[in-house]
């Protein structure tokens, strides 16, 4: 899975505003911002995903992970059918399950009998800068919303 990390630590104004917020408000702002950036990437992955049955496109989602340490929020594009903890196929899901697109990695990277048809990495390469801009804009908007209360 592609790991995108946006570093906001160099932006002193935003960092100062985040310090004035409570922990819950801070987490909400960061969650909204990271999800906004990940949504841009998700939309591009969906647009670039090959269509045979439509199952692959339906299973591209934005997933937010709980903070491991205070002030850490992580959101990213996730394709259902993969165990996010290990990166391997989720064996508890059956292939006929409409929420299981385990085969996405075979499409993305190819196999010994099938050529690769990348769609995740090209989507990331095309929309990386836009995702960062959207995340920053959403963060500023969310901070303003919280501070105006």
N, C-alpha and C. Protein backbone atom coordinates (compact mmCIF):
# COMPACT_ATOMS: atom_id res chain seq x y z
N UNK A 1 0.85 -1.17 0.00
CA UNK A 1 0.00 0.00 0.00
C UNK A 1 0.90 1.23 0.00
N UNK A 2 0.49 2.25 -0.70
CA UNK A 2 1.25 3.49 -0.77
C UNK A 2 1.01 4.28 0.50
N UNK A 3 2.09 4.75 1.09
CA UNK A 3 1.99 5.50 2.34
C UNK A 3 2.31 6.95 2.06
N UNK A 4 1.33 7.83 2.25
CA UNK A 4 1.53 9.25 2.05
C UNK A 4 1.46 9.93 3.39
N UNK A 5 2.47 10.68 3.70
CA UNK A 5 2.48 11.42 4.95
C UNK A 5 2.66 12.89 4.63
N UNK A 6 1.75 13.70 5.16
CA UNK A 6 1.84 15.14 5.01
C UNK A 6 2.40 15.72 6.29
N UNK A 7 3.45 16.50 6.18
CA UNK A 7 4.08 17.08 7.36
C UNK A 7 3.66 18.53 7.49
N UNK A 8 2.89 18.82 8.54
CA UNK A 8 2.40 20.17 8.78
C UNK A 8 3.24 20.90 9.82
N UNK A 9 4.31 20.28 10.30
CA UNK A 9 5.07 20.86 11.40
C UNK A 9 5.77 22.16 11.02
N UNK A 10 6.05 22.38 9.75
CA UNK A 10 6.72 23.59 9.33
C UNK A 10 5.81 24.79 9.24
N UNK A 11 4.55 24.61 9.41
CA UNK A 11 3.59 25.70 9.28
C UNK A 11 3.26 26.22 10.68
N UNK A 12 3.97 27.24 11.10
CA UNK A 12 3.86 27.71 12.49
C UNK A 12 2.49 28.25 12.85
N UNK A 13 1.82 28.92 11.92
CA UNK A 13 0.49 29.46 12.23
C UNK A 13 -0.50 28.35 12.52
N UNK A 14 -0.48 27.32 11.69
CA UNK A 14 -1.39 26.19 11.89
C UNK A 14 -1.03 25.46 13.17
N UNK A 15 0.25 25.27 13.41
CA UNK A 15 0.68 24.58 14.63
C UNK A 15 0.24 25.35 15.87
N UNK A 16 0.34 26.68 15.84
CA UNK A 16 -0.07 27.49 16.98
C UNK A 16 -1.58 27.37 17.19
N UNK A 17 -2.35 27.41 16.09
CA UNK A 17 -3.80 27.26 16.20
C UNK A 17 -4.18 25.89 16.75
N UNK A 18 -3.48 24.86 16.32
CA UNK A 18 -3.78 23.50 16.81
C UNK A 18 -3.49 23.38 18.30
N UNK A 19 -2.50 24.10 18.79
CA UNK A 19 -2.19 24.03 20.22
C UNK A 19 -3.29 24.64 21.07
N UNK A 20 -4.05 25.59 20.52
CA UNK A 20 -5.12 26.22 21.29
C UNK A 20 -6.37 25.35 21.37
N UNK A 21 -6.44 24.32 20.56
CA UNK A 21 -7.62 23.46 20.53
C UNK A 21 -7.50 22.36 21.59
N UNK A 22 -8.64 21.86 22.00
CA UNK A 22 -8.63 20.70 22.90
C UNK A 22 -8.19 19.47 22.12
N UNK A 23 -7.90 18.39 22.83
CA UNK A 23 -7.46 17.16 22.16
C UNK A 23 -8.52 16.65 21.17
N UNK A 24 -9.79 16.66 21.59
CA UNK A 24 -10.86 16.18 20.71
C UNK A 24 -10.98 17.06 19.48
N UNK A 25 -10.92 18.38 19.67
CA UNK A 25 -11.03 19.30 18.53
C UNK A 25 -9.82 19.15 17.62
N UNK A 26 -8.65 18.98 18.20
CA UNK A 26 -7.43 18.80 17.44
C UNK A 26 -7.53 17.54 16.58
N UNK A 27 -7.98 16.44 17.18
CA UNK A 27 -8.14 15.19 16.43
C UNK A 27 -9.16 15.33 15.31
N UNK A 28 -10.25 16.04 15.56
CA UNK A 28 -11.27 16.24 14.53
C UNK A 28 -10.71 17.04 13.36
N UNK A 29 -9.97 18.08 13.64
CA UNK A 29 -9.36 18.90 12.59
C UNK A 29 -8.40 18.06 11.75
N UNK A 30 -7.54 17.31 12.41
CA UNK A 30 -6.57 16.48 11.69
C UNK A 30 -7.27 15.37 10.90
N UNK A 31 -8.29 14.76 11.49
CA UNK A 31 -9.03 13.71 10.80
C UNK A 31 -9.71 14.26 9.55
N UNK A 32 -10.37 15.42 9.68
CA UNK A 32 -11.04 16.04 8.52
C UNK A 32 -10.04 16.37 7.42
N UNK A 33 -8.89 16.91 7.80
CA UNK A 33 -7.88 17.30 6.82
C UNK A 33 -7.29 16.10 6.09
N UNK A 34 -6.92 15.06 6.86
CA UNK A 34 -6.32 13.90 6.21
C UNK A 34 -7.34 13.15 5.34
N UNK A 35 -8.58 13.10 5.79
CA UNK A 35 -9.62 12.45 4.97
C UNK A 35 -9.88 13.23 3.69
N UNK A 36 -9.82 14.56 3.75
CA UNK A 36 -10.03 15.37 2.54
C UNK A 36 -8.94 15.10 1.52
N UNK A 37 -7.69 15.04 1.98
CA UNK A 37 -6.59 14.73 1.07
C UNK A 37 -6.69 13.33 0.51
N UNK A 38 -7.04 12.37 1.36
CA UNK A 38 -7.17 10.98 0.90
C UNK A 38 -8.34 10.82 -0.07
N UNK A 39 -9.38 11.62 0.09
CA UNK A 39 -10.53 11.54 -0.82
C UNK A 39 -10.15 11.94 -2.23
N UNK A 40 -9.26 12.90 -2.36
CA UNK A 40 -8.77 13.29 -3.69
C UNK A 40 -8.07 12.11 -4.35
N UNK A 41 -7.22 11.44 -3.59
CA UNK A 41 -6.51 10.28 -4.11
C UNK A 41 -7.47 9.14 -4.43
N UNK A 42 -8.45 8.91 -3.55
CA UNK A 42 -9.44 7.85 -3.79
C UNK A 42 -10.18 8.08 -5.11
N UNK A 43 -10.61 9.31 -5.34
CA UNK A 43 -11.35 9.61 -6.57
C UNK A 43 -10.51 9.32 -7.81
N UNK A 44 -9.22 9.62 -7.73
CA UNK A 44 -8.35 9.35 -8.88
C UNK A 44 -8.10 7.85 -9.05
N UNK A 45 -7.95 7.13 -7.95
CA UNK A 45 -7.78 5.67 -8.04
C UNK A 45 -9.01 5.05 -8.68
N UNK A 46 -10.19 5.50 -8.27
CA UNK A 46 -11.43 4.98 -8.85
C UNK A 46 -11.50 5.29 -10.34
N UNK A 47 -11.09 6.50 -10.72
CA UNK A 47 -11.13 6.88 -12.13
C UNK A 47 -10.16 6.04 -12.97
N UNK A 48 -9.03 5.67 -12.40
CA UNK A 48 -8.03 4.92 -13.15
C UNK A 48 -8.18 3.40 -13.05
N UNK A 49 -9.01 2.92 -12.14
CA UNK A 49 -9.16 1.47 -11.95
C UNK A 49 -9.81 0.84 -13.18
N UNK A 50 -9.26 -0.28 -13.63
CA UNK A 50 -9.88 -0.98 -14.77
C UNK A 50 -11.24 -1.56 -14.37
N UNK A 51 -12.15 -1.59 -15.33
CA UNK A 51 -13.50 -2.07 -15.04
C UNK A 51 -13.76 -3.35 -15.81
N UNK A 52 -14.09 -4.39 -15.07
CA UNK A 52 -14.57 -5.61 -15.70
C UNK A 52 -15.95 -5.92 -15.12
N UNK A 53 -16.01 -5.94 -13.79
CA UNK A 53 -17.30 -6.16 -13.14
C UNK A 53 -17.74 -4.94 -12.34
N UNK A 54 -16.83 -4.03 -12.06
CA UNK A 54 -17.13 -2.86 -11.24
C UNK A 54 -16.86 -3.09 -9.77
N UNK A 55 -16.53 -4.32 -9.41
CA UNK A 55 -16.29 -4.68 -8.01
C UNK A 55 -15.07 -3.95 -7.44
N UNK A 56 -14.04 -3.79 -8.26
CA UNK A 56 -12.83 -3.14 -7.80
C UNK A 56 -13.09 -1.67 -7.45
N UNK A 57 -13.78 -0.96 -8.32
CA UNK A 57 -14.07 0.46 -8.07
C UNK A 57 -14.95 0.65 -6.84
N UNK A 58 -15.88 -0.24 -6.61
CA UNK A 58 -16.78 -0.12 -5.45
C UNK A 58 -16.05 -0.33 -4.13
N UNK A 59 -14.91 -0.97 -4.17
CA UNK A 59 -14.20 -1.31 -2.94
C UNK A 59 -13.00 -0.42 -2.66
N UNK A 60 -12.88 0.68 -3.37
CA UNK A 60 -11.84 1.66 -3.07
C UNK A 60 -12.45 2.67 -2.10
N UNK A 61 -11.90 2.75 -0.89
CA UNK A 61 -12.47 3.60 0.16
C UNK A 61 -11.36 4.38 0.87
N UNK A 62 -11.78 5.42 1.58
CA UNK A 62 -10.86 6.15 2.46
C UNK A 62 -10.98 5.55 3.85
N UNK A 63 -9.84 5.27 4.46
CA UNK A 63 -9.83 4.66 5.78
C UNK A 63 -8.98 5.52 6.70
N UNK A 64 -9.50 5.80 7.88
CA UNK A 64 -8.76 6.58 8.88
C UNK A 64 -8.41 5.68 10.04
N UNK A 65 -7.14 5.72 10.43
CA UNK A 65 -6.68 4.92 11.56
C UNK A 65 -6.68 5.76 12.82
N UNK A 66 -6.93 5.10 13.93
CA UNK A 66 -6.87 5.79 15.22
C UNK A 66 -5.46 6.25 15.50
N UNK A 67 -5.38 7.31 16.28
CA UNK A 67 -4.08 7.86 16.62
C UNK A 67 -3.29 6.88 17.48
N UNK A 68 -2.07 6.65 17.12
CA UNK A 68 -1.21 5.78 17.94
C UNK A 68 -0.61 6.60 19.07
N UNK A 69 -0.25 7.83 18.75
CA UNK A 69 0.23 8.77 19.75
C UNK A 69 -0.62 10.01 19.66
N UNK A 70 -0.61 10.79 20.68
CA UNK A 70 -1.41 12.01 20.69
C UNK A 70 -1.02 12.90 19.51
N UNK A 71 -2.03 13.37 18.80
CA UNK A 71 -1.80 14.27 17.68
C UNK A 71 -1.46 13.59 16.38
N UNK A 72 -1.56 12.28 16.31
CA UNK A 72 -1.27 11.55 15.08
C UNK A 72 -2.54 10.96 14.51
N UNK A 73 -2.89 11.38 13.31
CA UNK A 73 -4.04 10.83 12.62
C UNK A 73 -3.56 10.39 11.24
N UNK A 74 -4.03 9.26 10.78
CA UNK A 74 -3.59 8.72 9.51
C UNK A 74 -4.81 8.31 8.68
N UNK A 75 -4.91 8.85 7.48
CA UNK A 75 -5.96 8.45 6.54
C UNK A 75 -5.31 8.05 5.24
N UNK A 76 -5.92 7.12 4.55
CA UNK A 76 -5.37 6.70 3.28
C UNK A 76 -6.39 5.96 2.44
N UNK A 77 -5.99 5.66 1.23
CA UNK A 77 -6.84 4.91 0.31
C UNK A 77 -6.66 3.43 0.62
N UNK A 78 -7.77 2.75 0.75
CA UNK A 78 -7.77 1.34 1.13
C UNK A 78 -8.65 0.60 0.13
N UNK A 79 -8.20 -0.57 -0.28
CA UNK A 79 -9.01 -1.41 -1.15
C UNK A 79 -9.46 -2.60 -0.33
N UNK A 80 -10.77 -2.72 -0.15
CA UNK A 80 -11.31 -3.78 0.71
C UNK A 80 -10.90 -5.15 0.19
N UNK A 81 -10.68 -6.04 1.14
CA UNK A 81 -10.25 -7.39 0.81
C UNK A 81 -8.83 -7.63 1.26
N UNK A 82 -8.23 -6.61 1.85
CA UNK A 82 -6.87 -6.72 2.35
C UNK A 82 -6.89 -6.46 3.84
N UNK A 83 -6.20 -7.27 4.58
CA UNK A 83 -6.07 -7.05 6.02
C UNK A 83 -5.10 -5.88 6.22
N UNK A 84 -5.57 -4.71 6.71
CA UNK A 84 -4.70 -3.54 6.82
C UNK A 84 -3.55 -3.73 7.79
N UNK A 85 -3.69 -4.64 8.73
CA UNK A 85 -2.62 -4.87 9.69
C UNK A 85 -1.43 -5.58 9.09
N UNK A 86 -1.68 -6.51 8.18
CA UNK A 86 -0.60 -7.30 7.61
C UNK A 86 -0.32 -6.98 6.15
N UNK A 87 -1.31 -6.42 5.45
CA UNK A 87 -1.14 -6.17 4.03
C UNK A 87 -1.47 -7.39 3.18
N UNK A 88 -1.79 -8.50 3.83
CA UNK A 88 -2.12 -9.73 3.11
C UNK A 88 -3.62 -9.81 2.88
N UNK A 89 -4.02 -10.78 2.08
CA UNK A 89 -5.44 -10.99 1.84
C UNK A 89 -6.15 -11.31 3.14
N UNK A 90 -7.36 -10.85 3.26
CA UNK A 90 -8.18 -11.13 4.43
C UNK A 90 -8.87 -12.46 4.19
N UNK A 91 -8.37 -13.51 4.78
CA UNK A 91 -8.87 -14.87 4.53
C UNK A 91 -10.26 -15.12 5.09
N UNK A 92 -10.78 -14.20 5.90
CA UNK A 92 -12.11 -14.41 6.46
C UNK A 92 -13.19 -14.05 5.44
N UNK A 93 -12.80 -13.42 4.34
CA UNK A 93 -13.78 -13.01 3.32
C UNK A 93 -13.75 -14.00 2.17
N UNK A 94 -14.89 -14.30 1.64
CA UNK A 94 -14.98 -15.19 0.50
C UNK A 94 -14.84 -14.39 -0.80
N UNK A 95 -14.35 -15.02 -1.83
CA UNK A 95 -14.14 -14.34 -3.10
C UNK A 95 -15.45 -13.83 -3.68
N UNK A 96 -16.56 -14.50 -3.39
CA UNK A 96 -17.84 -14.07 -3.94
C UNK A 96 -18.43 -12.88 -3.19
N UNK A 97 -17.83 -12.50 -2.06
CA UNK A 97 -18.30 -11.36 -1.28
C UNK A 97 -18.11 -10.08 -2.09
N UNK A 98 -19.16 -9.26 -2.25
CA UNK A 98 -19.01 -8.05 -3.06
C UNK A 98 -18.09 -7.01 -2.43
N UNK A 99 -17.72 -7.20 -1.17
CA UNK A 99 -16.81 -6.26 -0.50
C UNK A 99 -15.37 -6.79 -0.45
N UNK A 100 -15.06 -7.73 -1.29
CA UNK A 100 -13.74 -8.33 -1.29
C UNK A 100 -13.10 -8.21 -2.67
N UNK A 101 -12.21 -7.24 -2.83
CA UNK A 101 -11.49 -7.06 -4.09
C UNK A 101 -10.01 -7.41 -3.87
N UNK A 102 -9.79 -8.59 -3.30
CA UNK A 102 -8.44 -9.03 -2.95
C UNK A 102 -7.49 -9.04 -4.14
N UNK A 103 -8.03 -9.16 -5.33
CA UNK A 103 -7.24 -9.33 -6.54
C UNK A 103 -6.63 -8.03 -7.07
N UNK A 104 -6.89 -6.91 -6.38
CA UNK A 104 -6.40 -5.62 -6.88
C UNK A 104 -4.88 -5.63 -7.07
N UNK A 105 -4.17 -6.32 -6.18
CA UNK A 105 -2.70 -6.32 -6.28
C UNK A 105 -2.22 -7.08 -7.51
N UNK A 106 -3.01 -8.07 -7.95
CA UNK A 106 -2.64 -8.80 -9.16
C UNK A 106 -2.82 -7.90 -10.38
N UNK A 107 -3.85 -7.09 -10.37
CA UNK A 107 -4.09 -6.14 -11.45
C UNK A 107 -2.99 -5.07 -11.44
N UNK A 108 -2.70 -4.54 -10.26
CA UNK A 108 -1.72 -3.45 -10.11
C UNK A 108 -0.30 -3.90 -10.50
N UNK A 109 0.12 -5.06 -10.02
CA UNK A 109 1.52 -5.48 -10.21
C UNK A 109 1.72 -6.59 -11.22
N UNK A 110 0.62 -7.21 -11.65
CA UNK A 110 0.72 -8.29 -12.61
C UNK A 110 1.08 -9.61 -11.94
N UNK A 111 1.06 -10.65 -12.73
CA UNK A 111 1.44 -11.98 -12.25
C UNK A 111 2.35 -12.59 -13.30
N UNK A 112 2.73 -13.83 -13.10
CA UNK A 112 3.58 -14.50 -14.09
C UNK A 112 2.82 -14.76 -15.39
N UNK A 113 1.48 -14.73 -15.32
CA UNK A 113 0.67 -15.01 -16.50
C UNK A 113 -0.15 -13.82 -16.98
N UNK A 114 -0.01 -12.68 -16.29
CA UNK A 114 -0.82 -11.51 -16.64
C UNK A 114 0.03 -10.24 -16.51
N UNK A 115 -0.06 -9.41 -17.51
CA UNK A 115 0.69 -8.15 -17.48
C UNK A 115 0.10 -7.21 -16.43
N UNK A 116 0.93 -6.35 -15.88
CA UNK A 116 0.48 -5.38 -14.89
C UNK A 116 -0.33 -4.27 -15.55
N UNK A 117 -1.36 -3.81 -14.84
CA UNK A 117 -2.16 -2.66 -15.25
C UNK A 117 -2.24 -1.72 -14.06
N UNK A 118 -1.14 -0.97 -13.82
CA UNK A 118 -1.11 -0.13 -12.62
C UNK A 118 -2.19 0.95 -12.65
N UNK A 119 -2.81 1.17 -11.51
CA UNK A 119 -3.81 2.23 -11.39
C UNK A 119 -3.66 2.99 -10.07
N UNK A 120 -3.10 2.36 -9.03
CA UNK A 120 -2.95 3.02 -7.74
C UNK A 120 -1.77 3.98 -7.78
N UNK A 121 -0.62 3.52 -8.16
CA UNK A 121 0.58 4.38 -8.17
C UNK A 121 0.43 5.54 -9.15
N UNK A 122 -0.06 5.32 -10.36
CA UNK A 122 -0.25 6.47 -11.26
C UNK A 122 -1.24 7.50 -10.70
N UNK A 123 -2.27 7.03 -10.01
CA UNK A 123 -3.24 7.96 -9.40
C UNK A 123 -2.55 8.80 -8.34
N UNK A 124 -1.70 8.16 -7.53
CA UNK A 124 -0.97 8.89 -6.49
C UNK A 124 -0.02 9.91 -7.13
N UNK A 125 0.69 9.50 -8.16
CA UNK A 125 1.64 10.41 -8.81
C UNK A 125 0.96 11.64 -9.39
N UNK A 126 -0.23 11.46 -9.95
CA UNK A 126 -0.95 12.56 -10.60
C UNK A 126 -1.55 13.52 -9.57
N UNK A 127 -2.09 13.00 -8.48
CA UNK A 127 -2.87 13.83 -7.54
C UNK A 127 -2.18 14.14 -6.21
N UNK A 128 -0.93 13.80 -6.07
CA UNK A 128 -0.21 13.99 -4.82
C UNK A 128 -0.22 15.45 -4.37
N UNK A 129 0.13 16.37 -5.24
CA UNK A 129 0.19 17.79 -4.87
C UNK A 129 -1.19 18.35 -4.58
N UNK A 130 -2.18 17.95 -5.36
CA UNK A 130 -3.55 18.42 -5.12
C UNK A 130 -4.07 17.91 -3.78
N UNK A 131 -3.75 16.67 -3.44
CA UNK A 131 -4.18 16.12 -2.16
C UNK A 131 -3.59 16.92 -1.00
N UNK A 132 -2.34 17.31 -1.12
CA UNK A 132 -1.70 18.12 -0.07
C UNK A 132 -2.38 19.48 0.05
N UNK A 133 -2.68 20.11 -1.08
CA UNK A 133 -3.35 21.42 -1.06
C UNK A 133 -4.74 21.31 -0.44
N UNK A 134 -5.48 20.29 -0.82
CA UNK A 134 -6.84 20.10 -0.29
C UNK A 134 -6.79 19.84 1.22
N UNK A 135 -5.83 19.04 1.66
CA UNK A 135 -5.71 18.75 3.09
C UNK A 135 -5.39 20.02 3.88
N UNK A 136 -4.49 20.83 3.38
CA UNK A 136 -4.15 22.09 4.06
C UNK A 136 -5.33 23.04 4.09
N UNK A 137 -6.03 23.13 2.96
CA UNK A 137 -7.20 24.02 2.91
C UNK A 137 -8.28 23.56 3.89
N UNK A 138 -8.52 22.25 3.94
CA UNK A 138 -9.53 21.72 4.86
C UNK A 138 -9.10 21.91 6.30
N UNK A 139 -7.81 21.80 6.56
CA UNK A 139 -7.32 22.00 7.91
C UNK A 139 -7.56 23.45 8.35
N UNK A 140 -7.23 24.39 7.48
CA UNK A 140 -7.47 25.80 7.81
C UNK A 140 -8.95 26.07 8.03
N UNK A 141 -9.79 25.52 7.18
CA UNK A 141 -11.24 25.70 7.31
C UNK A 141 -11.75 25.09 8.62
N UNK A 142 -11.29 23.90 8.96
CA UNK A 142 -11.74 23.24 10.18
C UNK A 142 -11.27 24.00 11.43
N UNK A 143 -10.07 24.52 11.39
CA UNK A 143 -9.57 25.32 12.51
C UNK A 143 -10.42 26.57 12.68
N UNK A 144 -10.73 27.23 11.58
CA UNK A 144 -11.56 28.43 11.64
C UNK A 144 -12.95 28.11 12.19
N UNK A 145 -13.52 26.97 11.77
CA UNK A 145 -14.83 26.57 12.26
C UNK A 145 -14.81 26.35 13.78
N UNK A 146 -13.78 25.69 14.27
CA UNK A 146 -13.69 25.41 15.70
C UNK A 146 -13.45 26.69 16.50
N UNK A 147 -12.57 27.56 16.00
CA UNK A 147 -12.24 28.77 16.73
C UNK A 147 -13.38 29.79 16.72
N UNK A 148 -14.27 29.69 15.72
CA UNK A 148 -15.38 30.64 15.65
C UNK A 148 -16.54 30.27 16.58
N UNK A 149 -16.47 29.11 17.22
CA UNK A 149 -17.54 28.67 18.12
C UNK A 149 -17.58 29.52 19.35
